[in-house]
Amino acid sequence: MSNSRIIFRSVLRSSRRPSLAFAASSLSSARFSPLPFPTALNPPHFELKSISSFTSSFTRRLSHNTSSVHNKNENHQQEEEELHFFGTAEDDGEFTDEWEEEDETVEPKVGDGGDGGGVVLQGVPWGESALSIAHDALKLFSDDIKLYAFKTTPRGYIYVRLDKLSDEKLPEELCSHLVMDNLSIYGCPSMEELQSYSQEYKKRLDEAGQRREIPDDLALQVSSPGAERILKVPDDLDRFKDMAMRVCYIEDAGSNYTEKSGVFLLDLVEEENCVWKLAEVKENRDPNGKGRPFSRKQKDWRLKLPFDKHKMIMLYLEY
């Protein structure tokens, strides 16, 4: 699959804010190095590799971009006009030349303010106010829409990712445009929900800017989390229990420990532990098995991990 993205953009021009743009985009799936079978099963050709074998990944996401610049010197009222664009752009040829894109090639980390979730303000003096306004705008929406990630930058950019707790499917309006390997993006608000929130949040930012509570030239991007989002342990696990997950974990070996990873399905969550079983994916199959199903030993294999031994868990999309 190429690294192209499908983009729909609606631009509204007015006297106060020259541009208001929305974009729906999808990037290619992550490509991980093959991770063979756990050593607990002892076949000679199977070995769980360390996390360092991962390659950098791109994320799939449904995105709505809202960028605004306040022109203090405008002296006349412009007529509003709506422009629509639909097309495909490669990663190195974005339509928005002046937009400060997030670095999609960087591996997500827990709490990074992006696909790792969490809040990252980077020390900007208006960050707390912008975050408070983001929460206030969410109160107008259903209780199942939550703030997954929030990030501000010194250059005046705000990145918001919204999660929909009740939804595990890609919105139908995006499915009709995209053909992706076994993909049904999870926890993704609809295009209308993202656009509606983006407009409401931007309106409140504009009002706060007029009151000089925050800068009046901020740029906003509202999107869903990437398909390879980082999951919270144990809060998110039951929600995605029927899906394969990439689990990065610490294996104790006396005074030493090793970082390992594998593709598992959640078997159960105990009071302080997760119990994992092997997911029936290509990485976990015997390369000489010629498509044979799991053996009884493979089906019965379990890995019990305390919560604090999980380093990172992501949804797995390569079947």
C-alpha atoms as a PDB file:
ATOM      1  CA  MET A   1       0.000   0.000   0.000  1.00  0.00           C
ATOM      2  CA  SER A   2       1.346   3.429  -0.881  1.00  0.00           C
ATOM      3  CA  ASN A   3       1.751   6.323   1.496  1.00  0.00           C
ATOM      4  CA  SER A   4      -0.930   8.353  -0.291  1.00  0.00           C
ATOM      5  CA  ARG A   5      -3.846   9.894   1.535  1.00  0.00           C
ATOM      6  CA  ILE A   6      -7.362  10.670   0.392  1.00  0.00           C
ATOM      7  CA  ILE A   7      -8.258  14.262   1.212  1.00  0.00           C
ATOM      8  CA  PHE A   8     -11.549  16.132   1.226  1.00  0.00           C
ATOM      9  CA  ARG A   9     -11.217  19.795   1.997  1.00  0.00           C
ATOM     10  CA  SER A  10     -13.900  22.461   2.394  1.00  0.00           C
ATOM     11  CA  VAL A  11     -12.563  26.023   2.530  1.00  0.00           C
ATOM     12  CA  LEU A  12     -14.742  28.863   3.821  1.00  0.00           C
ATOM     13  CA  ARG A  13     -13.481  32.403   3.219  1.00  0.00           C
ATOM     14  CA  SER A  14     -14.728  35.283   5.353  1.00  0.00           C
ATOM     15  CA  SER A  15     -13.566  38.675   6.560  1.00  0.00           C
ATOM     16  CA  ARG A  16     -12.335  37.522   9.983  1.00  0.00           C
ATOM     17  CA  ARG A  17     -10.556  34.303   9.152  1.00  0.00           C
ATOM     18  CA  PRO A  18      -9.249  33.889   5.609  1.00  0.00           C
ATOM     19  CA  SER A  19      -9.451  30.112   5.697  1.00  0.00           C
ATOM     20  CA  LEU A  20     -11.364  27.339   7.383  1.00  0.00           C
ATOM     21  CA  ALA A  21     -10.352  23.927   6.128  1.00  0.00           C
ATOM     22  CA  PHE A  22     -11.413  20.376   6.816  1.00  0.00           C
ATOM     23  CA  ALA A  23      -9.527  17.339   5.550  1.00  0.00           C
ATOM     24  CA  ALA A  24     -10.204  13.626   5.767  1.00  0.00           C
ATOM     25  CA  SER A  25      -7.044  11.639   5.258  1.00  0.00           C
ATOM     26  CA  SER A  26      -5.723   8.130   5.544  1.00  0.00           C
ATOM     27  CA  LEU A  27      -2.083   7.092   5.661  1.00  0.00           C
ATOM     28  CA  SER A  28      -0.581   3.710   4.987  1.00  0.00           C
ATOM     29  CA  SER A  29      -0.531   1.045   7.640  1.00  0.00           C
ATOM     30  CA  ALA A  30       2.444   0.426   9.892  1.00  0.00           C
ATOM     31  CA  ARG A  31       4.962  -2.093   8.631  1.00  0.00           C
ATOM     32  CA  PHE A  32       6.619  -4.067  11.399  1.00  0.00           C
ATOM     33  CA  SER A  33       9.496  -6.481  11.155  1.00  0.00           C
ATOM     34  CA  PRO A  34       8.247 -10.082  11.429  1.00  0.00           C
ATOM     35  CA  LEU A  35       8.141 -11.333  15.006  1.00  0.00           C
ATOM     36  CA  PRO A  36       8.268 -15.129  15.170  1.00  0.00           C
ATOM     37  CA  PHE A  37       6.742 -17.411  17.790  1.00  0.00           C
ATOM     38  CA  PRO A  38       7.345 -17.158  21.574  1.00  0.00           C
ATOM     39  CA  THR A  39      10.300 -19.118  22.913  1.00  0.00           C
ATOM     40  CA  ALA A  40       8.007 -20.737  25.479  1.00  0.00           C
ATOM     41  CA  LEU A  41       6.899 -23.130  22.731  1.00  0.00           C
ATOM     42  CA  ASN A  42      10.510 -24.134  22.027  1.00  0.00           C
ATOM     43  CA  PRO A  43      10.449 -24.844  18.280  1.00  0.00           C
ATOM     44  CA  PRO A  44      13.960 -24.057  16.990  1.00  0.00           C
ATOM     45  CA  HIS A  45      12.875 -21.486  14.406  1.00  0.00           C
ATOM     46  CA  PHE A  46      10.714 -19.390  16.736  1.00  0.00           C
ATOM     47  CA  GLU A  47      11.953 -16.503  18.868  1.00  0.00           C
ATOM     48  CA  LEU A  48      10.388 -13.323  20.195  1.00  0.00           C
ATOM     49  CA  LYS A  49      12.539 -10.407  19.110  1.00  0.00           C
ATOM     50  CA  SER A  50      13.286  -7.250  21.039  1.00  0.00           C
ATOM     51  CA  ILE A  51      11.351  -4.047  20.451  1.00  0.00           C
ATOM     52  CA  SER A  52      14.294  -2.570  18.567  1.00  0.00           C
ATOM     53  CA  SER A  53      13.241  -4.622  15.544  1.00  0.00           C
ATOM     54  CA  PHE A  54      10.299  -2.292  14.917  1.00  0.00           C
ATOM     55  CA  THR A  55      10.370   0.036  11.953  1.00  0.00           C
ATOM     56  CA  SER A  56       8.931   3.526  11.992  1.00  0.00           C
ATOM     57  CA  SER A  57       5.235   3.567  11.198  1.00  0.00           C
ATOM     58  CA  PHE A  58       2.677   5.793   9.586  1.00  0.00           C
ATOM     59  CA  THR A  59      -0.820   6.009  11.074  1.00  0.00           C
ATOM     60  CA  ARG A  60      -4.231   5.842   9.495  1.00  0.00           C
ATOM     61  CA  ARG A  61      -6.612   8.439  10.746  1.00  0.00           C
ATOM     62  CA  LEU A  62      -9.686  10.389   9.909  1.00  0.00           C
ATOM     63  CA  SER A  63      -8.661  14.032  10.057  1.00  0.00           C
ATOM     64  CA  HIS A  64     -10.314  17.411   9.970  1.00  0.00           C
ATOM     65  CA  ASN A  65      -7.935  20.362   9.744  1.00  0.00           C
ATOM     66  CA  THR A  66      -8.985  23.845  10.739  1.00  0.00           C
ATOM     67  CA  SER A  67      -6.379  26.538  10.183  1.00  0.00           C
ATOM     68  CA  SER A  68      -7.029  30.195  10.833  1.00  0.00           C
ATOM     69  CA  VAL A  69      -4.986  33.396  10.583  1.00  0.00           C
ATOM     70  CA  HIS A  70      -6.332  36.718  11.807  1.00  0.00           C
ATOM     71  CA  ASN A  71      -5.529  39.637   9.522  1.00  0.00           C
ATOM     72  CA  LYS A  72      -5.670  42.793  11.617  1.00  0.00           C
ATOM     73  CA  ASN A  73      -5.234  45.042   8.546  1.00  0.00           C
ATOM     74  CA  GLU A  74      -8.271  43.884   6.565  1.00  0.00           C
ATOM     75  CA  ASN A  75     -10.388  46.932   5.709  1.00  0.00           C
ATOM     76  CA  HIS A  76     -13.219  45.454   3.674  1.00  0.00           C
ATOM     77  CA  GLN A  77     -15.756  42.681   3.928  1.00  0.00           C
ATOM     78  CA  GLN A  78     -15.177  39.727   1.609  1.00  0.00           C
ATOM     79  CA  GLU A  79     -18.040  37.640   0.353  1.00  0.00           C
ATOM     80  CA  GLU A  80     -18.168  34.138   1.773  1.00  0.00           C
ATOM     81  CA  GLU A  81     -17.474  31.421  -0.718  1.00  0.00           C
ATOM     82  CA  GLU A  82     -17.141  27.692  -0.282  1.00  0.00           C
ATOM     83  CA  LEU A  83     -14.581  25.680  -2.186  1.00  0.00           C
ATOM     84  CA  HIS A  84     -14.473  21.881  -2.303  1.00  0.00           C
ATOM     85  CA  PHE A  85     -11.501  19.725  -3.149  1.00  0.00           C
ATOM     86  CA  PHE A  86     -11.353  15.973  -3.369  1.00  0.00           C
ATOM     87  CA  GLY A  87      -8.194  14.210  -4.400  1.00  0.00           C
ATOM     88  CA  THR A  88      -5.174  12.178  -3.508  1.00  0.00           C
ATOM     89  CA  ALA A  89      -1.891  13.639  -2.305  1.00  0.00           C
ATOM     90  CA  GLU A  90       1.354  11.888  -1.574  1.00  0.00           C
ATOM     91  CA  ASP A  91       2.933  12.452   1.851  1.00  0.00           C
ATOM     92  CA  ASP A  92       5.541  14.796   0.357  1.00  0.00           C
ATOM     93  CA  GLY A  93       2.998  16.826  -1.617  1.00  0.00           C
ATOM     94  CA  GLU A  94       0.397  18.216   0.760  1.00  0.00           C
ATOM     95  CA  PHE A  95      -2.240  20.673  -0.397  1.00  0.00           C
ATOM     96  CA  THR A  96      -1.689  22.858   2.688  1.00  0.00           C
ATOM     97  CA  ASP A  97       1.775  24.284   2.009  1.00  0.00           C
ATOM     98  CA  GLU A  98       1.878  26.496   5.100  1.00  0.00           C
ATOM     99  CA  TRP A  99       0.484  23.975   7.567  1.00  0.00           C
ATOM    100  CA  GLU A 100       2.937  22.679  10.172  1.00  0.00           C
ATOM    101  CA  GLU A 101       2.466  18.931   9.790  1.00  0.00           C
ATOM    102  CA  GLU A 102       3.100  16.548  12.666  1.00  0.00           C
ATOM    103  CA  ASP A 103       5.962  14.142  12.033  1.00  0.00           C
ATOM    104  CA  GLU A 104       4.071  10.970  11.105  1.00  0.00           C
ATOM    105  CA  THR A 105       7.281   8.923  10.796  1.00  0.00           C
ATOM    106  CA  VAL A 106       8.074   9.087  14.514  1.00  0.00           C
ATOM    107  CA  GLU A 107       7.088   6.062  16.590  1.00  0.00           C
ATOM    108  CA  PRO A 108       4.239   7.060  18.932  1.00  0.00           C
ATOM    109  CA  LYS A 109       4.982   7.017  22.649  1.00  0.00           C
ATOM    110  CA  VAL A 110       2.661   6.877  25.625  1.00  0.00           C
ATOM    111  CA  GLY A 111       1.575  10.401  26.549  1.00  0.00           C
ATOM    112  CA  ASP A 112       3.101  12.117  23.500  1.00  0.00           C
ATOM    113  CA  GLY A 113      -0.008  14.196  22.787  1.00  0.00           C
ATOM    114  CA  GLY A 114      -0.495  12.368  19.480  1.00  0.00           C
ATOM    115  CA  ASP A 115      -1.330   8.720  18.834  1.00  0.00           C
ATOM    116  CA  GLY A 116       0.112   7.968  22.259  1.00  0.00           C
ATOM    117  CA  GLY A 117      -2.630  10.067  23.855  1.00  0.00           C
ATOM    118  CA  GLY A 118      -2.243  12.482  26.736  1.00  0.00           C
ATOM    119  CA  VAL A 119      -1.719  16.219  27.011  1.00  0.00           C
ATOM    120  CA  VAL A 120       1.472  17.988  25.866  1.00  0.00           C
ATOM    121  CA  LEU A 121       1.534  21.790  26.153  1.00  0.00           C
ATOM    122  CA  GLN A 122       5.274  22.337  25.532  1.00  0.00           C
ATOM    123  CA  GLY A 123       5.357  25.255  27.951  1.00  0.00           C
ATOM    124  CA  VAL A 124       3.257  27.671  25.906  1.00  0.00           C
ATOM    125  CA  PRO A 125       1.628  30.280  28.201  1.00  0.00           C
ATOM    126  CA  TRP A 126      -1.791  29.924  26.549  1.00  0.00           C
ATOM    127  CA  GLY A 127      -1.813  26.111  26.604  1.00  0.00           C
ATOM    128  CA  GLU A 128      -3.888  25.633  29.758  1.00  0.00           C
ATOM    129  CA  SER A 129      -6.512  28.092  28.523  1.00  0.00           C
ATOM    130  CA  ALA A 130      -6.745  26.350  25.140  1.00  0.00           C
ATOM    131  CA  LEU A 131      -7.098  22.981  26.887  1.00  0.00           C
ATOM    132  CA  SER A 132      -9.858  24.305  29.142  1.00  0.00           C
ATOM    133  CA  ILE A 133     -11.726  25.667  26.113  1.00  0.00           C
ATOM    134  CA  ALA A 134     -11.358  22.278  24.385  1.00  0.00           C
ATOM    135  CA  HIS A 135     -12.998  20.540  27.353  1.00  0.00           C
ATOM    136  CA  ASP A 136     -15.774  23.133  27.506  1.00  0.00           C
ATOM    137  CA  ALA A 137     -16.568  22.639  23.809  1.00  0.00           C
ATOM    138  CA  LEU A 138     -16.858  18.877  24.373  1.00  0.00           C
ATOM    139  CA  LYS A 139     -19.709  19.398  26.851  1.00  0.00           C
ATOM    140  CA  LEU A 140     -22.036  20.081  23.910  1.00  0.00           C
ATOM    141  CA  PHE A 141     -21.450  16.583  22.515  1.00  0.00           C
ATOM    142  CA  SER A 142     -22.438  13.091  23.611  1.00  0.00           C
ATOM    143  CA  ASP A 143     -20.756  11.582  26.657  1.00  0.00           C
ATOM    144  CA  ASP A 144     -19.036   8.899  24.584  1.00  0.00           C
ATOM    145  CA  ILE A 145     -16.852  11.426  22.746  1.00  0.00           C
ATOM    146  CA  LYS A 146     -13.711  12.114  24.751  1.00  0.00           C
ATOM    147  CA  LEU A 147     -10.447  13.966  24.356  1.00  0.00           C
ATOM    148  CA  TYR A 148      -7.860  11.323  23.470  1.00  0.00           C
ATOM    149  CA  ALA A 149      -4.892  13.637  22.924  1.00  0.00           C
ATOM    150  CA  PHE A 150      -4.143  17.353  23.041  1.00  0.00           C
ATOM    151  CA  LYS A 151      -0.956  19.117  21.982  1.00  0.00           C
ATOM    152  CA  THR A 152       0.090  22.731  21.547  1.00  0.00           C
ATOM    153  CA  THR A 153       3.249  24.059  19.903  1.00  0.00           C
ATOM    154  CA  PRO A 154       5.236  27.284  20.380  1.00  0.00           C
ATOM    155  CA  ARG A 155       4.388  28.254  16.786  1.00  0.00           C
ATOM    156  CA  GLY A 156       0.699  28.491  17.680  1.00  0.00           C
ATOM    157  CA  TYR A 157      -0.659  25.128  16.537  1.00  0.00           C
ATOM    158  CA  ILE A 158      -3.262  23.092  18.425  1.00  0.00           C
ATOM    159  CA  TYR A 159      -3.648  19.371  17.670  1.00  0.00           C
ATOM    160  CA  VAL A 160      -6.724  17.616  19.065  1.00  0.00           C
ATOM    161  CA  ARG A 161      -7.593  13.927  18.745  1.00  0.00           C
ATOM    162  CA  LEU A 162     -11.115  12.837  19.679  1.00  0.00           C
ATOM    163  CA  ASP A 163     -12.072   9.303  20.658  1.00  0.00           C
ATOM    164  CA  LYS A 164     -15.563   7.796  20.430  1.00  0.00           C
ATOM    165  CA  LEU A 165     -15.883   5.166  23.122  1.00  0.00           C
ATOM    166  CA  SER A 166     -19.016   3.533  21.712  1.00  0.00           C
ATOM    167  CA  ASP A 167     -17.745   3.150  18.158  1.00  0.00           C
ATOM    168  CA  GLU A 168     -15.342   0.532  16.834  1.00  0.00           C
ATOM    169  CA  LYS A 169     -16.000   0.945  13.115  1.00  0.00           C
ATOM    170  CA  LEU A 170     -14.775   3.320  10.444  1.00  0.00           C
ATOM    171  CA  PRO A 171     -17.520   5.825   9.512  1.00  0.00           C
ATOM    172  CA  GLU A 172     -19.431   4.714   6.398  1.00  0.00           C
ATOM    173  CA  GLU A 173     -18.714   7.948   4.529  1.00  0.00           C
ATOM    174  CA  LEU A 174     -14.972   7.218   4.676  1.00  0.00           C
ATOM    175  CA  CYS A 175     -15.324   3.491   3.992  1.00  0.00           C
ATOM    176  CA  SER A 176     -16.868   4.298   0.610  1.00  0.00           C
ATOM    177  CA  HIS A 177     -13.658   6.061  -0.464  1.00  0.00           C
ATOM    178  CA  LEU A 178     -11.008   3.823   1.067  1.00  0.00           C
ATOM    179  CA  VAL A 179      -9.912   0.280   0.326  1.00  0.00           C
ATOM    180  CA  MET A 180      -7.496  -0.937   2.987  1.00  0.00           C
ATOM    181  CA  ASP A 181      -6.344  -4.370   4.070  1.00  0.00           C
ATOM    182  CA  ASN A 182      -8.789  -5.688   6.667  1.00  0.00           C
ATOM    183  CA  LEU A 183      -9.196  -2.199   8.089  1.00  0.00           C
ATOM    184  CA  SER A 184     -12.120  -0.955  10.139  1.00  0.00           C
ATOM    185  CA  ILE A 185     -10.711   1.965  12.114  1.00  0.00           C
ATOM    186  CA  TYR A 186     -11.762   1.841  15.718  1.00  0.00           C
ATOM    187  CA  GLY A 187     -13.133   4.421  18.099  1.00  0.00           C
ATOM    188  CA  CYS A 188     -13.420   6.949  15.306  1.00  0.00           C
ATOM    189  CA  PRO A 189     -15.990   9.770  15.480  1.00  0.00           C
ATOM    190  CA  SER A 190     -17.904  10.415  12.281  1.00  0.00           C
ATOM    191  CA  MET A 191     -16.844  13.076   9.809  1.00  0.00           C
ATOM    192  CA  GLU A 192     -19.812  15.215  10.884  1.00  0.00           C
ATOM    193  CA  GLU A 193     -18.906  14.896  14.572  1.00  0.00           C
ATOM    194  CA  LEU A 194     -15.297  15.909  13.980  1.00  0.00           C
ATOM    195  CA  GLN A 195     -16.314  18.816  11.788  1.00  0.00           C
ATOM    196  CA  SER A 196     -18.968  19.985  14.253  1.00  0.00           C
ATOM    197  CA  TYR A 197     -16.531  19.892  17.161  1.00  0.00           C
ATOM    198  CA  SER A 198     -13.849  21.641  15.113  1.00  0.00           C
ATOM    199  CA  GLN A 199     -16.233  24.481  14.273  1.00  0.00           C
ATOM    200  CA  GLU A 200     -17.442  24.830  17.871  1.00  0.00           C
ATOM    201  CA  TYR A 201     -13.934  24.778  19.316  1.00  0.00           C
ATOM    202  CA  LYS A 202     -12.643  27.245  16.730  1.00  0.00           C
ATOM    203  CA  LYS A 203     -15.541  29.615  17.483  1.00  0.00           C
ATOM    204  CA  ARG A 204     -14.643  29.565  21.174  1.00  0.00           C
ATOM    205  CA  LEU A 205     -10.959  30.084  20.430  1.00  0.00           C
ATOM    206  CA  ASP A 206     -11.872  33.094  18.285  1.00  0.00           C
ATOM    207  CA  GLU A 207     -13.967  34.539  21.115  1.00  0.00           C
ATOM    208  CA  ALA A 208     -11.150  34.025  23.629  1.00  0.00           C
ATOM    209  CA  GLY A 209      -8.737  35.638  21.177  1.00  0.00           C
ATOM    210  CA  GLN A 210     -10.982  38.693  20.888  1.00  0.00           C
ATOM    211  CA  ARG A 211     -10.930  38.964  24.693  1.00  0.00           C
ATOM    212  CA  ARG A 212      -7.102  38.734  24.526  1.00  0.00           C
ATOM    213  CA  GLU A 213      -7.119  35.659  26.753  1.00  0.00           C
ATOM    214  CA  ILE A 214      -5.143  33.716  24.136  1.00  0.00           C
ATOM    215  CA  PRO A 215      -3.376  34.676  20.881  1.00  0.00           C
ATOM    216  CA  ASP A 216      -5.774  35.447  18.032  1.00  0.00           C
ATOM    217  CA  ASP A 217      -3.724  33.726  15.311  1.00  0.00           C
ATOM    218  CA  LEU A 218      -3.800  30.082  16.440  1.00  0.00           C
ATOM    219  CA  ALA A 219      -4.192  27.178  13.990  1.00  0.00           C
ATOM    220  CA  LEU A 220      -6.290  24.123  14.844  1.00  0.00           C
ATOM    221  CA  GLN A 221      -6.347  20.504  13.687  1.00  0.00           C
ATOM    222  CA  VAL A 222      -9.005  18.076  14.938  1.00  0.00           C
ATOM    223  CA  SER A 223      -8.741  14.376  14.109  1.00  0.00           C
ATOM    224  CA  SER A 224      -9.357  10.875  15.395  1.00  0.00           C
ATOM    225  CA  PRO A 225      -6.555   8.743  16.881  1.00  0.00           C
ATOM    226  CA  GLY A 226      -4.539   6.718  14.410  1.00  0.00           C
ATOM    227  CA  ALA A 227      -5.561   3.125  13.785  1.00  0.00           C
ATOM    228  CA  GLU A 228      -2.331   2.007  15.475  1.00  0.00           C
ATOM    229  CA  ARG A 229      -3.186   4.037  18.552  1.00  0.00           C
ATOM    230  CA  ILE A 230      -1.503   3.211  21.843  1.00  0.00           C
ATOM    231  CA  LEU A 231      -3.936   1.555  24.251  1.00  0.00           C
ATOM    232  CA  LYS A 232      -4.166   2.251  27.954  1.00  0.00           C
ATOM    233  CA  VAL A 233      -3.595  -0.662  30.331  1.00  0.00           C
ATOM    234  CA  PRO A 234      -6.000  -1.938  31.495  1.00  0.00           C
ATOM    235  CA  ASP A 235      -8.668   0.685  30.637  1.00  0.00           C
ATOM    236  CA  ASP A 236      -8.800   0.194  26.836  1.00  0.00           C
ATOM    237  CA  LEU A 237      -8.208  -3.536  26.692  1.00  0.00           C
ATOM    238  CA  ASP A 238     -11.734  -4.841  27.213  1.00  0.00           C
ATOM    239  CA  ARG A 239     -13.012  -2.472  24.539  1.00  0.00           C
ATOM    240  CA  PHE A 240     -10.702  -3.996  21.914  1.00  0.00           C
ATOM    241  CA  LYS A 241     -10.547  -7.529  23.314  1.00  0.00           C
ATOM    242  CA  ASP A 242     -11.673  -9.129  20.044  1.00  0.00           C
ATOM    243  CA  MET A 243      -8.821  -7.580  18.073  1.00  0.00           C
ATOM    244  CA  ALA A 244      -5.200  -8.600  17.709  1.00  0.00           C
ATOM    245  CA  MET A 245      -2.795  -6.296  19.525  1.00  0.00           C
ATOM    246  CA  ARG A 246       0.922  -5.670  19.301  1.00  0.00           C
ATOM    247  CA  VAL A 247       2.136  -6.061  22.895  1.00  0.00           C
ATOM    248  CA  CYS A 248       5.554  -4.728  23.917  1.00  0.00           C
ATOM    249  CA  TYR A 249       6.500  -5.934  27.364  1.00  0.00           C
ATOM    250  CA  ILE A 250       9.285  -6.547  29.851  1.00  0.00           C
ATOM    251  CA  GLU A 251      10.302 -10.102  30.623  1.00  0.00           C
ATOM    252  CA  ASP A 252      12.138 -10.538  33.908  1.00  0.00           C
ATOM    253  CA  ALA A 253      15.083 -12.916  33.978  1.00  0.00           C
ATOM    254  CA  GLY A 254      16.510 -12.731  37.468  1.00  0.00           C
ATOM    255  CA  SER A 255      18.370  -9.447  37.906  1.00  0.00           C
ATOM    256  CA  ASN A 256      18.126  -8.707  34.180  1.00  0.00           C
ATOM    257  CA  TYR A 257      15.156  -7.929  32.006  1.00  0.00           C
ATOM    258  CA  THR A 258      14.500  -8.118  28.303  1.00  0.00           C
ATOM    259  CA  GLU A 259      12.094  -6.073  26.220  1.00  0.00           C
ATOM    260  CA  LYS A 260      10.036  -8.293  23.938  1.00  0.00           C
ATOM    261  CA  SER A 261       6.975  -8.026  21.754  1.00  0.00           C
ATOM    262  CA  GLY A 262       4.368 -10.256  20.175  1.00  0.00           C
ATOM    263  CA  VAL A 263       0.959 -10.231  18.532  1.00  0.00           C
ATOM    264  CA  PHE A 264      -1.651 -11.439  20.980  1.00  0.00           C
ATOM    265  CA  LEU A 265      -5.346 -11.526  21.780  1.00  0.00           C
ATOM    266  CA  LEU A 266      -6.555 -10.637  25.249  1.00  0.00           C
ATOM    267  CA  ASP A 267      -7.664 -13.763  27.099  1.00  0.00           C
ATOM    268  CA  LEU A 268      -8.670 -12.115  30.363  1.00  0.00           C
ATOM    269  CA  VAL A 269      -7.877  -9.237  32.711  1.00  0.00           C
ATOM    270  CA  GLU A 270      -7.222 -10.122  36.338  1.00  0.00           C
ATOM    271  CA  GLU A 271      -6.950  -7.769  39.287  1.00  0.00           C
ATOM    272  CA  GLU A 272      -3.303  -6.913  38.582  1.00  0.00           C
ATOM    273  CA  ASN A 273      -2.455  -8.925  35.449  1.00  0.00           C
ATOM    274  CA  CYS A 274      -3.356  -9.420  31.815  1.00  0.00           C
ATOM    275  CA  VAL A 275      -3.427 -12.904  30.340  1.00  0.00           C
ATOM    276  CA  TRP A 276      -2.639 -13.071  26.618  1.00  0.00           C
ATOM    277  CA  LYS A 277      -3.006 -15.785  23.995  1.00  0.00           C
ATOM    278  CA  LEU A 278      -1.519 -16.012  20.532  1.00  0.00           C
ATOM    279  CA  ALA A 279      -3.362 -14.224  17.741  1.00  0.00           C
ATOM    280  CA  GLU A 280      -3.813 -16.289  14.589  1.00  0.00           C
ATOM    281  CA  VAL A 281      -1.789 -14.010  12.344  1.00  0.00           C
ATOM    282  CA  LYS A 282       1.033 -14.683   9.903  1.00  0.00           C
ATOM    283  CA  GLU A 283       3.752 -13.709  12.385  1.00  0.00           C
ATOM    284  CA  ASN A 284       2.671 -16.446  14.782  1.00  0.00           C
ATOM    285  CA  ARG A 285       2.365 -19.240  12.225  1.00  0.00           C
ATOM    286  CA  ASP A 286       5.042 -21.748  11.363  1.00  0.00           C
ATOM    287  CA  PRO A 287       6.547 -20.548   8.047  1.00  0.00           C
ATOM    288  CA  ASN A 288       6.772 -24.212   7.016  1.00  0.00           C
ATOM    289  CA  GLY A 289       3.202 -24.926   8.052  1.00  0.00           C
ATOM    290  CA  LYS A 290       1.724 -24.106   4.637  1.00  0.00           C
ATOM    291  CA  GLY A 291      -1.331 -22.372   6.080  1.00  0.00           C
ATOM    292  CA  ARG A 292      -2.197 -25.046   8.617  1.00  0.00           C
ATOM    293  CA  PRO A 293      -4.272 -23.868  11.628  1.00  0.00           C
ATOM    294  CA  PHE A 294      -2.775 -23.537  15.103  1.00  0.00           C
ATOM    295  CA  SER A 295      -1.864 -26.719  16.927  1.00  0.00           C
ATOM    296  CA  ARG A 296      -3.390 -27.504  20.317  1.00  0.00           C
ATOM    297  CA  LYS A 297      -0.156 -26.379  21.972  1.00  0.00           C
ATOM    298  CA  GLN A 298      -0.293 -23.051  20.196  1.00  0.00           C
ATOM    299  CA  LYS A 299      -3.952 -22.542  21.079  1.00  0.00           C
ATOM    300  CA  ASP A 300      -3.286 -23.325  24.744  1.00  0.00           C
ATOM    301  CA  TRP A 301      -0.214 -21.065  25.081  1.00  0.00           C
ATOM    302  CA  ARG A 302      -0.710 -18.191  27.537  1.00  0.00           C
ATOM    303  CA  LEU A 303       1.377 -15.237  28.719  1.00  0.00           C
ATOM    304  CA  LYS A 304       0.546 -13.690  32.091  1.00  0.00           C
ATOM    305  CA  LEU A 305       1.861 -10.157  32.574  1.00  0.00           C
ATOM    306  CA  PRO A 306       1.443  -7.689  35.452  1.00  0.00           C
ATOM    307  CA  PHE A 307       0.069  -4.327  34.335  1.00  0.00           C
ATOM    308  CA  ASP A 308       3.382  -2.581  35.014  1.00  0.00           C
ATOM    309  CA  LYS A 309       5.299  -4.961  32.724  1.00  0.00           C
ATOM    310  CA  HIS A 310       3.453  -3.692  29.643  1.00  0.00           C
ATOM    311  CA  LYS A 311       5.548  -1.075  27.843  1.00  0.00           C
ATOM    312  CA  MET A 312       3.211  -0.356  24.943  1.00  0.00           C
ATOM    313  CA  ILE A 313       0.130  -1.910  23.326  1.00  0.00           C
ATOM    314  CA  MET A 314      -1.124  -1.009  19.856  1.00  0.00           C
ATOM    315  CA  LEU A 315      -3.869  -2.345  17.616  1.00  0.00           C
ATOM    316  CA  TYR A 316      -2.471  -4.766  15.046  1.00  0.00           C
ATOM    317  CA  LEU A 317      -3.687  -4.435  11.452  1.00  0.00           C
ATOM    318  CA  GLU A 318      -1.454  -6.815   9.483  1.00  0.00           C
ATOM    319  CA  TYR A 319      -3.251 -10.128   8.950  1.00  0.00           C
END
